Amino acid sequence: MDEDRIERIVRQKLESAGRQLGEAKQAYRRAKRAARADLPVREDGKARIVCRRYAEKRAVPVDDEGRPACFDAASQDCQGCVEDIRAGDIETW
């Protein structure tokens, strides 16, 4: 094989891999949005959840990682809340 053909094959493979990576990233983003879309929200876009830590109704923004704005990484209740949001098992109102 000549160098031009090898270069063309390598370039095609890299472009294909780049497209596949882009498609995978888009699918991941869509799945995250769909998981958050299952939460009931108010008109202002805040999710209506029941706080596990304080057992109260809250309307809070939820970030791309599924964490409500009130999330405290040191709290086991907050960790459980995020797990429930991601699993679609969070209590809502």
Protein backbone atom coordinates (compact mmCIF):
# COMPACT_ATOMS: atom_id res chain seq x y z
CA MET A 1 0.00 0.00 0.00
CA ASP A 2 1.18 3.49 -0.66
CA GLU A 3 1.33 6.19 2.00
CA ASP A 4 -1.60 8.16 0.57
CA ARG A 5 -3.92 5.18 0.82
CA ILE A 6 -2.84 4.38 4.40
CA GLU A 7 -3.30 8.02 5.37
CA ARG A 8 -6.79 8.07 3.78
CA ILE A 9 -7.82 4.88 5.60
CA VAL A 10 -6.55 6.18 8.96
CA ARG A 11 -8.32 9.52 8.41
CA GLN A 12 -11.60 7.76 7.55
CA LYS A 13 -11.36 5.58 10.66
CA LEU A 14 -10.65 8.59 12.87
CA GLU A 15 -13.56 10.53 11.37
CA SER A 16 -15.85 7.54 11.93
CA ALA A 17 -14.70 7.20 15.53
CA GLY A 18 -15.26 10.94 16.05
CA ARG A 19 -18.82 10.69 14.71
CA GLN A 20 -19.55 7.70 16.93
CA LEU A 21 -18.22 9.54 19.96
CA GLY A 22 -20.36 12.57 19.13
CA GLU A 23 -23.45 10.39 18.75
CA ALA A 24 -22.74 8.67 22.07
CA LYS A 25 -22.36 12.02 23.83
CA GLN A 26 -25.65 13.24 22.39
CA ALA A 27 -27.43 10.06 23.46
CA TYR A 28 -26.02 10.44 26.98
CA ARG A 29 -27.19 14.07 27.19
CA ARG A 30 -30.65 13.12 25.91
CA ALA A 31 -30.91 10.35 28.49
CA LYS A 32 -29.95 12.73 31.31
CA ARG A 33 -32.50 15.29 30.11
CA ALA A 34 -35.16 12.59 29.86
CA ALA A 35 -34.46 11.47 33.42
CA ARG A 36 -34.89 15.04 34.67
CA ALA A 37 -37.94 15.51 32.44
CA ASP A 38 -39.75 12.89 34.51
CA LEU A 39 -39.72 15.25 37.50
CA PRO A 40 -42.76 17.48 37.86
CA VAL A 41 -41.76 21.13 37.55
CA ARG A 42 -43.32 24.49 38.27
CA GLU A 43 -43.72 27.19 35.64
CA ASP A 44 -40.28 28.57 36.57
CA GLY A 45 -38.62 25.21 35.78
CA LYS A 46 -37.90 24.21 39.37
CA ALA A 47 -38.47 20.53 40.17
CA ARG A 48 -41.06 19.71 42.81
CA ILE A 49 -39.47 17.13 45.12
CA VAL A 50 -39.88 16.03 48.71
CA CYS A 51 -36.63 16.59 50.61
CA ARG A 52 -35.43 13.39 52.26
CA ARG A 53 -33.26 15.29 54.71
CA TYR A 54 -35.94 17.58 56.12
CA ALA A 55 -39.08 15.74 54.96
CA GLU A 56 -40.55 18.83 53.33
CA LYS A 57 -41.84 19.80 49.92
CA ARG A 58 -39.34 21.85 47.90
CA ALA A 59 -39.20 23.43 44.48
CA VAL A 60 -35.56 23.51 43.42
CA PRO A 61 -33.47 23.60 40.26
CA VAL A 62 -31.83 20.27 39.38
CA ASP A 63 -28.44 20.33 37.65
CA ASP A 64 -27.21 18.13 34.78
CA GLU A 65 -25.93 15.56 37.26
CA GLY A 66 -29.38 15.17 38.84
CA ARG A 67 -28.47 17.12 42.00
CA PRO A 68 -30.99 19.56 43.45
CA ALA A 69 -29.69 23.02 44.38
CA CYS A 70 -30.07 22.14 48.08
CA PHE A 71 -27.74 19.11 47.72
CA ASP A 72 -25.17 18.66 50.52
CA ALA A 73 -22.49 16.10 49.63
CA ALA A 74 -21.86 15.34 53.30
CA SER A 75 -25.47 14.30 53.93
CA GLN A 76 -26.48 10.66 53.47
CA ASP A 77 -30.07 11.81 52.93
CA CYS A 78 -28.95 14.10 50.11
CA GLN A 79 -26.90 11.28 48.57
CA GLY A 80 -30.00 9.08 48.69
CA CYS A 81 -32.10 11.84 47.16
CA VAL A 82 -29.76 12.12 44.17
CA GLU A 83 -29.77 8.34 43.75
CA ASP A 84 -33.58 8.40 43.79
CA ILE A 85 -33.72 11.21 41.23
CA ARG A 86 -31.39 9.31 38.90
CA ALA A 87 -33.39 6.10 39.38
CA GLY A 88 -36.72 7.92 38.89
CA ASP A 89 -37.90 6.97 42.38
CA ILE A 90 -37.90 10.39 44.03
CA GLU A 91 -41.03 11.42 45.92
CA THR A 92 -42.65 14.44 44.28
CA TRP A 93 -45.68 16.62 44.79
